[in-house]
Amino acid sequence: MNKLLKLLLISTGLFTSFSCSENKKVKPNIVIIYADDMGYGDLNIQNPNSKIPTPNLDRLATEGMRFTDAHSSSGICSPSRFALLTGSYHWRRQHDIINSFGAPFFKDSDITLPQVLKTQGYKTACIGKWHLGWDWEFENEPSGEAMLWGKMKKMYLNKDFDWSKPIKGGPTDRGFDYYFGDGTINFPPYAWIENDRILEAPSEDMDMDSVGFDTKEGRWEFRLGPKVKDWNPYEVLPTLTNRTVDWLQNQKKDQPFFLYFALPSPHAPIIPNDEFDGKSKAGGYGDYMFQTDWVVGQVMKTLKEKGLEDNTIIIFSADNGTEAYAYERAVEYDHFSMGNFRGVKRDVWEGGHHVPFIIKWPGNIKPNSVSNEVISQVDVMATLANITGAELTEKAAPDSYDFTPVITDQKYNTPLREATIHNTYKSIWGIRKGDWVFINKSTGGHKKVPKAFDEITNYPNFKTKGLLFNMVEDPEQRVNLYEKYPDKIVEMDSLLHLYRTSNSSTEHLK
């Protein structure tokens, strides 16, 4: 173990003298597959009107437990990833994503899931999308400029870097023994990174006129910046899949491992490989979603062939709801990526954060089981700590609940969570408690809904200062009960304030 990490864990009380050799039974391997911008309704098994086949995800669900009421911390990428890996709501740190060449979301004092698992003898790896920042070293101020979100922004170009230098502050400084990926598919540098090094130095810059390929739906959404010569975005998902399969094939049965496989799909750019074209009835996105499902199948297949399946926990989820392209998809193909929920990515409406969540653990989780328990991705930290025997101090995972009793069919207090915060940006906050959701504004939306989609769904607009919905009776959030239950508003608004002003959403329960 890295000496600095060991000192950190000792100082926070996380380090123990445990080693795998001291335990008669090898601890379960853990694989988290984290999709990008995938809607709840994109899984065929939970959308009877889906136009996208997802045979592998459907099989994963029938072999394990599928949660119908699981939530990401945020409605956008970086914050949810931080929450998953720390057991802390993102808004305790920041709300926005890490932009191109942005500083880390983390502080060095943060305790991460891979760090915790390493204390229990786990080998750890991250493959795929990081999007949580590095401590980049720049040779000079950004020398480029480009239009972004309607404003001219300064951008770093290839000539602003010395690519021979290591990149600090990334996955291998957050508890992962190994990293391979391209950082973020639509952000520079467009290059492969292994551990803390660029494998091939970029020699030119990407812009919207020099991609060299066409998307199969939507826009490229690339940011201006350094790229490797002849960089092909269509090779990203296949390369990550092959690397993941290779890494798994090199694992041994007597060495527990944790793999965080962060997919770049089905996030834009929508670029399914040619062999997946036409595999769905939902256009390019549907085909990309089908390919994403195929990738999950490759992981499952490899675990089985290596004889690792029976002692491996697989968790599948997504960082937030579906992108706004889903509105057009619903109108054109009658496929609702958000399922029956209102809203999309970024929204505090349910569709912005209500995500797929499946967990398989052979011999411990009953196959083909379904839970309606409300859980959050911040709960993964406490749950895996319990399963692996790791102890969490008060400073670690401040918002994480252990949902082991749910998945192992034990008795527990219902509901498991006292409440769950829904938030993306600073302007709108929601809180779920039991059957109820309170939102502190007159809307849960951050983007305007296209007229064509509005006409087929006819969601009502509201004029009250806040919103209140019964999510069991009204999952589509059509009936606003704000004026009918003033006492409920006071109760939930007070709890929201308590959570936001405290260091933990669980400390007052102890």
Protein backbone atom coordinates (compact mmCIF):
# COMPACT_ATOMS: atom_id res chain seq x y z
CA MET A 1 0.00 0.00 0.00
CA ASN A 2 1.17 3.54 -0.79
CA LYS A 3 2.72 5.04 2.40
CA LEU A 4 0.82 8.32 2.08
CA LEU A 5 -2.47 6.47 1.64
CA LYS A 6 -1.68 4.26 4.61
CA LEU A 7 -0.95 7.29 6.78
CA LEU A 8 -4.20 8.91 5.65
CA LEU A 9 -6.25 5.84 6.49
CA ILE A 10 -4.53 5.39 9.84
CA SER A 11 -5.22 9.03 10.72
CA THR A 12 -8.90 8.64 9.91
CA GLY A 13 -9.20 5.28 11.62
CA LEU A 14 -9.86 3.36 8.42
CA PHE A 15 -6.75 1.20 8.30
CA THR A 16 -6.90 -2.23 9.88
CA SER A 17 -4.41 -5.05 10.01
CA PHE A 18 -6.70 -7.29 7.98
CA SER A 19 -5.31 -9.20 5.03
CA CYS A 20 -7.02 -11.71 2.76
CA SER A 21 -4.72 -14.49 3.94
CA GLU A 22 -6.17 -14.10 7.45
CA ASN A 23 -9.66 -14.90 6.24
CA LYS A 24 -10.60 -18.43 5.24
CA LYS A 25 -13.00 -17.26 2.56
CA VAL A 26 -11.89 -14.93 -0.22
CA LYS A 27 -13.93 -11.75 -0.17
CA PRO A 28 -16.26 -11.17 -3.12
CA ASN A 29 -14.91 -9.44 -6.18
CA ILE A 30 -16.75 -6.22 -7.03
CA VAL A 31 -17.51 -4.85 -10.49
CA ILE A 32 -19.36 -1.56 -10.89
CA ILE A 33 -20.48 -0.81 -14.45
CA TYR A 34 -21.49 2.83 -14.67
CA ALA A 35 -23.34 3.95 -17.80
CA ASP A 36 -23.45 7.56 -18.98
CA ASP A 37 -26.71 9.47 -19.61
CA MET A 38 -28.87 6.33 -19.61
CA GLY A 39 -32.56 6.69 -18.85
CA TYR A 40 -34.61 4.41 -16.62
CA GLY A 41 -36.79 3.53 -19.62
CA ASP A 42 -33.83 2.48 -21.79
CA LEU A 43 -33.78 -0.95 -20.16
CA ASN A 44 -36.22 -3.20 -21.92
CA ILE A 45 -37.04 -5.09 -18.72
CA GLN A 46 -38.47 -1.96 -17.07
CA ASN A 47 -40.15 -0.37 -20.07
CA PRO A 48 -42.89 -2.50 -21.70
CA ASN A 49 -42.99 -0.08 -24.66
CA SER A 50 -39.23 0.01 -25.21
CA LYS A 51 -37.94 0.04 -28.78
CA ILE A 52 -34.46 -1.09 -27.67
CA PRO A 53 -33.50 -4.72 -26.97
CA THR A 54 -31.29 -5.05 -23.87
CA PRO A 55 -30.88 -8.83 -23.46
CA ASN A 56 -27.77 -8.73 -21.28
CA LEU A 57 -29.05 -6.13 -18.83
CA ASP A 58 -32.35 -7.97 -18.70
CA ARG A 59 -30.48 -11.18 -17.88
CA LEU A 60 -28.41 -9.41 -15.22
CA ALA A 61 -31.66 -8.25 -13.63
CA THR A 62 -33.19 -11.73 -13.65
CA GLU A 63 -30.02 -13.12 -12.05
CA GLY A 64 -30.01 -10.51 -9.30
CA MET A 65 -32.08 -7.67 -7.82
CA ARG A 66 -33.49 -4.75 -9.77
CA PHE A 67 -34.30 -1.53 -7.91
CA THR A 68 -37.26 0.46 -9.21
CA ASP A 69 -36.58 3.58 -7.10
CA ALA A 70 -32.82 4.25 -7.27
CA HIS A 71 -31.30 7.72 -7.66
CA SER A 72 -28.06 9.38 -8.66
CA SER A 73 -26.83 12.24 -6.48
CA SER A 74 -27.01 14.74 -9.36
CA GLY A 75 -28.60 15.16 -12.77
CA ILE A 76 -25.16 15.56 -14.39
CA CYS A 77 -21.89 13.62 -14.76
CA SER A 78 -19.02 14.63 -12.46
CA PRO A 79 -21.06 15.26 -9.29
CA SER A 80 -22.72 11.83 -9.43
CA ARG A 81 -19.37 10.11 -9.96
CA PHE A 82 -17.92 11.88 -6.94
CA ALA A 83 -20.93 10.84 -4.85
CA LEU A 84 -20.69 7.21 -5.93
CA LEU A 85 -17.00 7.00 -5.04
CA THR A 86 -17.22 8.85 -1.69
CA GLY A 87 -20.67 8.19 -0.22
CA SER A 88 -21.13 11.95 0.03
CA TYR A 89 -23.70 14.12 -1.73
CA HIS A 90 -21.99 16.13 -4.48
CA TRP A 91 -23.38 19.46 -3.30
CA ARG A 92 -21.22 19.30 -0.17
CA ARG A 93 -18.37 20.05 -2.57
CA GLN A 94 -19.76 21.62 -5.76
CA HIS A 95 -22.60 21.40 -8.26
CA ASP A 96 -21.11 21.62 -11.74
CA ILE A 97 -19.12 19.22 -13.90
CA ILE A 98 -15.34 19.28 -14.24
CA ASN A 99 -14.68 21.09 -17.50
CA SER A 100 -11.80 20.49 -19.90
CA PHE A 101 -8.50 20.39 -17.97
CA GLY A 102 -10.36 21.25 -14.75
CA ALA A 103 -8.93 20.66 -11.28
CA PRO A 104 -10.00 17.56 -9.30
CA PHE A 105 -13.44 17.33 -7.72
CA PHE A 106 -11.69 15.65 -4.78
CA LYS A 107 -9.71 17.00 -1.88
CA ASP A 108 -6.72 14.91 -0.85
CA SER A 109 -8.42 14.29 2.50
CA ASP A 110 -11.44 12.63 0.87
CA ILE A 111 -11.85 8.92 1.57
CA THR A 112 -12.85 6.99 -1.53
CA LEU A 113 -14.39 3.58 -2.13
CA PRO A 114 -11.22 2.10 -3.68
CA GLN A 115 -9.16 3.35 -0.72
CA VAL A 116 -11.55 1.63 1.68
CA LEU A 117 -11.48 -1.62 -0.29
CA LYS A 118 -7.68 -1.58 -0.43
CA THR A 119 -7.62 -1.81 3.37
CA GLN A 120 -9.37 -5.16 2.92
CA GLY A 121 -6.79 -6.49 0.47
CA TYR A 122 -8.52 -5.54 -2.77
CA LYS A 123 -6.75 -4.92 -6.06
CA THR A 124 -8.43 -1.88 -7.63
CA ALA A 125 -8.83 -0.62 -11.20
CA CYS A 126 -10.71 2.11 -13.03
CA ILE A 127 -11.26 1.76 -16.77
CA GLY A 128 -13.15 4.29 -18.90
CA LYS A 129 -14.56 7.73 -18.24
CA TRP A 130 -13.04 9.59 -15.29
CA HIS A 131 -14.44 13.15 -15.55
CA LEU A 132 -13.34 14.01 -12.02
CA GLY A 133 -10.31 16.12 -12.89
CA TRP A 134 -6.52 15.98 -12.77
CA ASP A 135 -3.89 18.42 -11.53
CA TRP A 136 -2.73 19.39 -15.00
CA GLU A 137 0.55 21.24 -15.45
CA PHE A 138 0.34 23.96 -18.12
CA GLU A 139 3.26 25.48 -19.97
CA ASN A 140 1.41 28.78 -20.34
CA GLU A 141 -2.05 30.38 -20.29
CA PRO A 142 -4.64 28.89 -22.71
CA SER A 143 -3.77 29.96 -26.22
CA GLY A 144 -7.05 29.03 -27.92
CA GLU A 145 -10.56 30.43 -27.92
CA ALA A 146 -13.90 28.89 -28.87
CA MET A 147 -17.63 29.43 -28.49
CA LEU A 148 -19.14 27.35 -25.67
CA TRP A 149 -22.73 27.66 -24.47
CA GLY A 150 -23.09 30.94 -26.32
CA LYS A 151 -19.95 32.53 -24.87
CA MET A 152 -16.35 32.80 -26.04
CA LYS A 153 -14.12 30.73 -23.76
CA LYS A 154 -10.36 30.41 -23.45
CA MET A 155 -9.22 26.90 -24.38
CA TYR A 156 -5.94 25.05 -23.92
CA LEU A 157 -4.28 23.84 -27.13
CA ASN A 158 -1.66 21.22 -27.85
CA LYS A 159 1.18 23.72 -27.63
CA ASP A 160 0.25 24.58 -24.04
CA PHE A 161 1.50 21.22 -22.65
CA ASP A 162 4.58 19.14 -22.07
CA TRP A 163 3.07 15.68 -22.59
CA SER A 164 6.11 13.89 -21.13
CA LYS A 165 5.15 14.93 -17.60
CA PRO A 166 3.04 12.67 -15.34
CA ILE A 167 -0.54 13.78 -14.63
CA LYS A 168 -1.23 14.02 -10.92
CA GLY A 169 -4.50 14.00 -9.01
CA GLY A 170 -6.27 11.37 -11.12
CA PRO A 171 -7.54 7.84 -10.43
CA THR A 172 -4.21 6.43 -9.22
CA ASP A 173 -4.07 9.17 -6.58
CA ARG A 174 -7.62 8.32 -5.41
CA GLY A 175 -7.11 4.69 -4.48
CA PHE A 176 -7.03 2.94 -7.86
CA ASP A 177 -4.01 0.74 -8.58
CA TYR A 178 -4.62 0.99 -12.31
CA TYR A 179 -6.34 3.33 -14.74
CA PHE A 180 -6.89 3.20 -18.48
CA GLY A 181 -9.14 5.51 -20.46
CA ASP A 182 -9.51 8.67 -22.48
CA GLY A 183 -10.70 10.79 -19.57
CA THR A 184 -13.95 12.00 -21.13
CA ILE A 185 -14.88 11.15 -24.71
CA ASN A 186 -15.97 14.68 -25.73
CA PHE A 187 -13.31 16.59 -23.74
CA PRO A 188 -9.63 17.03 -24.57
CA PRO A 189 -7.08 15.60 -24.53
CA TYR A 190 -8.27 13.17 -27.18
CA ALA A 191 -5.68 10.56 -26.25
CA TRP A 192 -5.26 7.41 -24.20
CA ILE A 193 -4.15 7.74 -20.59
CA GLU A 194 -2.69 4.83 -18.66
CA ASN A 195 -2.23 5.37 -14.94
CA ASP A 196 -0.74 8.90 -14.84
CA ARG A 197 0.77 9.06 -18.35
CA ILE A 198 -0.37 9.98 -21.84
CA LEU A 199 0.44 6.94 -24.01
CA GLU A 200 0.84 8.90 -27.25
CA ALA A 201 1.40 12.64 -27.20
CA PRO A 202 -1.22 14.74 -29.00
CA SER A 203 0.22 16.51 -32.02
CA GLU A 204 -2.73 18.63 -33.16
CA ASP A 205 -6.02 20.09 -31.98
CA MET A 206 -9.61 18.89 -32.37
CA ASP A 207 -12.36 21.27 -33.36
CA MET A 208 -15.78 20.82 -34.92
CA ASP A 209 -14.34 21.08 -38.43
CA SER A 210 -11.59 18.47 -37.98
CA VAL A 211 -13.33 15.46 -36.44
CA GLY A 212 -13.14 13.48 -39.68
CA PHE A 213 -16.23 11.37 -38.92
CA ASP A 214 -20.00 11.79 -38.75
CA THR A 215 -22.23 11.10 -35.77
CA LYS A 216 -25.21 8.79 -36.17
CA GLU A 217 -27.46 11.04 -34.12
CA GLY A 218 -27.10 14.49 -32.58
CA ARG A 219 -23.95 16.61 -32.47
CA TRP A 220 -20.36 15.76 -31.67
CA GLU A 221 -20.35 18.00 -28.58
CA PHE A 222 -16.55 18.01 -28.64
CA ARG A 223 -14.58 20.77 -26.96
CA LEU A 224 -11.65 22.39 -28.73
CA GLY A 225 -8.32 20.94 -27.59
CA PRO A 226 -5.33 18.62 -28.10
CA LYS A 227 -5.73 15.31 -29.92
CA VAL A 228 -3.62 12.45 -31.16
CA LYS A 229 -3.21 12.38 -34.94
CA ASP A 230 -6.00 10.36 -36.61
CA TRP A 231 -7.91 10.02 -33.32
CA ASN A 232 -11.05 7.98 -34.04
CA PRO A 233 -13.91 8.39 -31.55
CA TYR A 234 -15.52 5.21 -32.88
CA GLU A 235 -12.63 3.23 -31.41
CA VAL A 236 -13.16 4.46 -27.84
CA LEU A 237 -15.90 2.10 -26.60
CA PRO A 238 -14.43 -1.00 -28.32
CA THR A 239 -10.96 -0.25 -26.92
CA LEU A 240 -12.29 0.22 -23.38
CA THR A 241 -14.25 -3.01 -23.69
CA ASN A 242 -11.18 -4.95 -24.84
CA ARG A 243 -9.04 -3.47 -22.06
CA THR A 244 -11.67 -4.41 -19.48
CA VAL A 245 -11.91 -7.97 -20.75
CA ASP A 246 -8.12 -8.28 -20.77
CA TRP A 247 -7.86 -6.93 -17.21
CA LEU A 248 -10.49 -9.37 -15.95
CA GLN A 249 -8.82 -12.29 -17.69
CA ASN A 250 -5.64 -11.54 -15.73
CA GLN A 251 -7.34 -11.70 -12.32
CA LYS A 252 -6.93 -14.64 -9.95
CA LYS A 253 -9.50 -16.39 -7.78
CA ASP A 254 -7.49 -15.93 -4.57
CA GLN A 255 -7.06 -12.14 -4.98
CA PRO A 256 -10.22 -10.05 -4.52
CA PHE A 257 -10.55 -7.14 -6.92
CA PHE A 258 -12.64 -4.04 -7.45
CA LEU A 259 -13.24 -2.84 -11.00
CA TYR A 260 -14.96 0.46 -11.71
CA PHE A 261 -15.86 0.29 -15.42
CA ALA A 262 -17.17 3.75 -16.35
CA LEU A 263 -18.72 3.64 -19.82
CA PRO A 264 -18.68 6.62 -22.19
CA SER A 265 -22.02 5.45 -23.59
CA PRO A 266 -24.79 6.08 -24.40
CA HIS A 267 -23.66 9.71 -23.81
CA ALA A 268 -23.29 11.91 -26.89
CA PRO A 269 -21.62 11.75 -29.33
CA ILE A 270 -24.00 9.00 -30.46
CA ILE A 271 -21.59 6.73 -32.32
CA PRO A 272 -22.55 3.05 -32.36
CA ASN A 273 -20.13 0.94 -34.36
CA ASP A 274 -21.36 -0.19 -37.77
CA GLU A 275 -22.16 -3.75 -36.68
CA PHE A 276 -24.76 -2.38 -34.25
CA ASP A 277 -26.56 -0.15 -36.77
CA GLY A 278 -30.25 -1.02 -37.07
CA LYS A 279 -30.29 -3.27 -34.00
CA SER A 280 -33.00 -1.17 -32.37
CA LYS A 281 -36.12 0.68 -33.46
CA ALA A 282 -35.03 3.90 -31.76
CA GLY A 283 -32.50 5.33 -34.22
CA GLY A 284 -28.80 5.88 -33.61
CA TYR A 285 -29.23 6.25 -29.86
CA GLY A 286 -31.13 2.99 -29.66
CA ASP A 287 -28.34 1.23 -31.53
CA TYR A 288 -25.74 2.79 -29.22
CA MET A 289 -27.77 1.64 -26.26
CA PHE A 290 -27.87 -1.86 -27.76
CA GLN A 291 -24.07 -1.77 -28.08
CA THR A 292 -23.79 -0.64 -24.46
CA ASP A 293 -25.86 -3.65 -23.45
CA TRP A 294 -23.53 -5.85 -25.53
CA VAL A 295 -20.53 -4.44 -23.62
CA VAL A 296 -22.18 -5.41 -20.33
CA GLY A 297 -22.61 -8.88 -21.80
CA GLN A 298 -18.88 -9.10 -22.54
CA VAL A 299 -18.08 -8.39 -18.89
CA MET A 300 -20.54 -11.03 -17.72
CA LYS A 301 -19.20 -13.55 -20.23
CA THR A 302 -15.59 -12.98 -19.17
CA LEU A 303 -16.38 -13.39 -15.47
CA LYS A 304 -18.12 -16.67 -16.21
CA GLU A 305 -15.35 -18.02 -18.46
CA LYS A 306 -12.72 -17.16 -15.82
CA GLY A 307 -14.69 -18.94 -13.10
CA LEU A 308 -15.13 -15.64 -11.23
CA GLU A 309 -18.89 -15.23 -11.62
CA ASP A 310 -19.98 -17.03 -8.46
CA ASN A 311 -17.86 -14.83 -6.19
CA THR A 312 -18.41 -11.48 -7.90
CA ILE A 313 -20.83 -8.69 -7.03
CA ILE A 314 -21.91 -6.82 -10.16
CA ILE A 315 -23.56 -3.43 -9.76
CA PHE A 316 -24.96 -1.68 -12.81
CA SER A 317 -26.26 1.89 -12.80
CA ALA A 318 -25.98 5.23 -14.60
CA ASP A 319 -24.72 8.66 -13.58
CA ASN A 320 -27.97 10.51 -14.32
CA GLY A 321 -31.04 10.47 -16.52
CA THR A 322 -31.17 10.60 -20.30
CA GLU A 323 -29.98 13.61 -22.31
CA ALA A 324 -32.50 16.05 -23.83
CA TYR A 325 -32.23 14.28 -27.20
CA ALA A 326 -34.74 11.91 -25.61
CA TYR A 327 -37.52 14.38 -26.30
CA GLU A 328 -37.05 14.10 -30.06
CA ARG A 329 -36.62 10.33 -29.78
CA ALA A 330 -39.96 9.98 -28.01
CA VAL A 331 -41.73 11.94 -30.72
CA GLU A 332 -40.01 10.23 -33.67
CA TYR A 333 -39.69 6.64 -32.44
CA ASP A 334 -42.21 6.42 -29.57
CA HIS A 335 -39.37 5.36 -27.26
CA PHE A 336 -39.37 7.14 -23.90
CA SER A 337 -35.87 6.90 -22.44
CA MET A 338 -37.09 8.52 -19.22
CA GLY A 339 -39.83 5.89 -18.90
CA ASN A 340 -42.94 7.32 -17.28
CA PHE A 341 -40.99 9.94 -15.35
CA ARG A 342 -41.04 13.66 -15.97
CA GLY A 343 -37.80 15.37 -17.00
CA VAL A 344 -34.37 14.52 -18.36
CA LYS A 345 -30.69 15.03 -17.51
CA ARG A 346 -30.03 18.13 -15.34
CA ASP A 347 -33.62 18.28 -14.07
CA VAL A 348 -34.74 17.86 -10.47
CA TRP A 349 -37.84 16.36 -12.01
CA GLU A 350 -37.75 12.59 -11.43
CA GLY A 351 -36.38 11.77 -14.90
CA GLY A 352 -33.18 13.69 -14.19
CA HIS A 353 -31.94 11.39 -11.41
CA HIS A 354 -34.16 8.28 -11.31
CA VAL A 355 -31.73 5.75 -12.77
CA PRO A 356 -31.40 2.04 -13.55
CA PHE A 357 -29.86 0.06 -10.68
CA ILE A 358 -29.18 -3.68 -10.69
CA ILE A 359 -27.07 -5.74 -8.30
CA LYS A 360 -26.13 -9.40 -8.68
CA TRP A 361 -24.40 -11.44 -5.98
CA PRO A 362 -24.75 -15.20 -6.52
CA GLY A 363 -25.71 -17.14 -3.42
CA ASN A 364 -26.61 -13.98 -1.49
CA ILE A 365 -29.18 -12.15 -3.61
CA LYS A 366 -32.28 -14.01 -4.68
CA PRO A 367 -32.45 -14.20 -8.50
CA ASN A 368 -35.20 -12.29 -10.31
CA SER A 369 -35.97 -10.14 -7.27
CA VAL A 370 -37.28 -6.59 -7.41
CA SER A 371 -37.05 -3.94 -4.68
CA ASN A 372 -39.15 -0.79 -4.47
CA GLU A 373 -36.91 0.57 -1.70
CA VAL A 374 -35.67 4.13 -2.25
CA ILE A 375 -31.89 4.06 -2.48
CA SER A 376 -29.20 6.48 -3.63
CA GLN A 377 -25.86 5.80 -5.26
CA VAL A 378 -24.21 7.32 -2.20
CA ASP A 379 -25.36 4.15 -0.41
CA VAL A 380 -22.97 1.96 -2.39
CA MET A 381 -20.06 3.00 -0.13
CA ALA A 382 -21.58 1.91 3.19
CA THR A 383 -23.04 -1.24 1.66
CA LEU A 384 -19.77 -2.49 0.17
CA ALA A 385 -17.88 -1.53 3.33
CA ASN A 386 -20.24 -3.73 5.34
CA ILE A 387 -20.01 -6.63 2.91
CA THR A 388 -16.21 -6.56 2.86
CA GLY A 389 -15.73 -5.96 6.58
CA ALA A 390 -14.29 -2.45 6.27
CA GLU A 391 -14.96 0.08 9.03
CA LEU A 392 -16.02 3.61 8.12
CA THR A 393 -15.24 6.52 10.41
CA GLU A 394 -17.59 9.46 10.89
CA LYS A 395 -15.62 11.43 8.30
CA ALA A 396 -16.16 8.79 5.63
CA ALA A 397 -19.35 8.37 3.57
CA PRO A 398 -21.40 11.02 5.45
CA ASP A 399 -24.61 10.40 3.48
CA SER A 400 -24.37 6.66 2.88
CA TYR A 401 -26.87 4.08 4.12
CA ASP A 402 -26.09 0.37 4.19
CA PHE A 403 -28.66 -1.44 2.05
CA THR A 404 -27.24 -4.94 2.68
CA PRO A 405 -30.43 -5.96 4.56
CA VAL A 406 -32.47 -5.14 1.46
CA ILE A 407 -30.43 -7.22 -0.97
CA THR A 408 -29.96 -10.16 1.41
CA ASP A 409 -33.65 -10.24 2.41
CA GLN A 410 -33.09 -9.47 6.10
CA LYS A 411 -35.42 -7.61 8.42
CA TYR A 412 -34.88 -3.84 8.53
CA ASN A 413 -36.71 -0.65 9.33
CA THR A 414 -38.79 0.61 6.41
CA PRO A 415 -38.02 2.92 4.76
CA LEU A 416 -34.27 2.35 4.87
CA ARG A 417 -33.37 6.00 4.24
CA GLU A 418 -34.79 8.80 6.33
CA ALA A 419 -34.82 10.99 3.21
CA THR A 420 -32.95 11.57 -0.06
CA ILE A 421 -31.85 14.88 -1.61
CA HIS A 422 -32.45 15.56 -5.31
CA ASN A 423 -30.30 18.35 -6.73
CA THR A 424 -28.26 19.40 -9.76
CA TYR A 425 -27.53 23.13 -9.63
CA LYS A 426 -27.78 25.60 -6.74
CA SER A 427 -31.13 27.00 -7.84
CA ILE A 428 -33.47 24.01 -7.35
CA TRP A 429 -33.58 21.49 -4.51
CA GLY A 430 -35.81 18.51 -3.91
CA ILE A 431 -36.16 16.05 -1.04
CA ARG A 432 -37.80 12.63 -1.05
CA LYS A 433 -39.15 11.25 2.22
CA GLY A 434 -41.25 8.12 2.13
CA ASP A 435 -43.86 8.49 -0.58
CA TRP A 436 -43.41 12.26 -0.81
CA VAL A 437 -41.22 14.58 -2.88
CA PHE A 438 -40.93 18.29 -2.08
CA ILE A 439 -39.27 20.71 -4.55
CA ASN A 440 -38.52 24.24 -3.37
CA LYS A 441 -39.38 25.95 -6.68
CA SER A 442 -42.37 26.10 -8.99
CA THR A 443 -40.61 23.76 -11.43
CA GLY A 444 -38.14 20.91 -11.30
CA GLY A 445 -36.86 21.63 -14.79
CA HIS A 446 -33.62 23.25 -15.97
CA LYS A 447 -34.32 23.05 -19.72
CA LYS A 448 -37.32 23.99 -21.82
CA VAL A 449 -39.42 21.10 -23.07
CA PRO A 450 -39.86 21.03 -26.89
CA LYS A 451 -43.37 21.80 -28.10
CA ALA A 452 -43.79 18.49 -29.96
CA PHE A 453 -43.00 16.47 -26.81
CA ASP A 454 -45.18 18.73 -24.67
CA GLU A 455 -48.12 18.09 -26.97
CA ILE A 456 -47.95 14.30 -26.56
CA THR A 457 -47.37 14.32 -22.78
CA ASN A 458 -49.31 17.43 -21.74
CA TYR A 459 -47.49 17.88 -18.44
CA PRO A 460 -49.05 20.69 -16.38
CA ASN A 461 -47.15 23.81 -15.33
CA PHE A 462 -47.45 25.08 -11.77
CA LYS A 463 -47.46 28.53 -10.16
CA THR A 464 -47.04 27.67 -6.47
CA LYS A 465 -43.84 28.69 -4.63
CA GLY A 466 -42.92 25.04 -4.28
CA LEU A 467 -44.13 21.59 -5.33
CA LEU A 468 -45.32 18.51 -3.48
CA PHE A 469 -46.03 15.12 -5.04
CA ASN A 470 -47.04 11.69 -3.78
CA MET A 471 -44.64 9.53 -5.81
CA VAL A 472 -46.56 6.28 -5.22
CA GLU A 473 -49.85 7.66 -6.46
CA ASP A 474 -48.36 10.15 -8.95
CA PRO A 475 -44.92 9.05 -10.28
CA GLU A 476 -45.35 11.32 -13.33
CA GLN A 477 -45.53 14.39 -11.05
CA ARG A 478 -48.75 15.77 -12.52
CA VAL A 479 -50.76 16.48 -9.34
CA ASN A 480 -49.23 19.23 -7.21
CA LEU A 481 -50.35 18.93 -3.57
CA TYR A 482 -48.36 21.90 -2.30
CA GLU A 483 -51.37 23.91 -1.09
CA LYS A 484 -53.23 20.88 0.29
CA TYR A 485 -50.61 19.74 2.82
CA PRO A 486 -48.86 22.79 4.36
CA ASP A 487 -47.65 20.80 7.38
CA LYS A 488 -45.88 18.34 5.09
CA ILE A 489 -44.17 21.26 3.33
CA VAL A 490 -42.87 22.62 6.64
CA GLU A 491 -41.63 19.19 7.71
CA MET A 492 -39.76 18.45 4.50
CA ASP A 493 -38.38 21.96 4.02
CA SER A 494 -36.99 21.84 7.59
CA LEU A 495 -35.34 18.47 6.95
CA LEU A 496 -33.86 19.76 3.69
CA HIS A 497 -32.39 22.71 5.59
CA LEU A 498 -30.99 20.38 8.28
CA TYR A 499 -29.24 18.21 5.71
CA ARG A 500 -27.82 21.18 3.80
CA THR A 501 -26.42 22.89 6.90
CA SER A 502 -24.95 19.78 8.57
CA ASN A 503 -21.86 17.77 7.69
CA SER A 504 -23.86 14.59 7.32
CA SER A 505 -27.43 13.56 6.58
CA THR A 506 -27.14 10.66 9.04
CA GLU A 507 -25.37 12.16 12.06
CA HIS A 508 -28.57 13.39 13.74
CA LEU A 509 -29.94 9.82 13.66
CA LYS A 510 -27.09 8.41 15.77
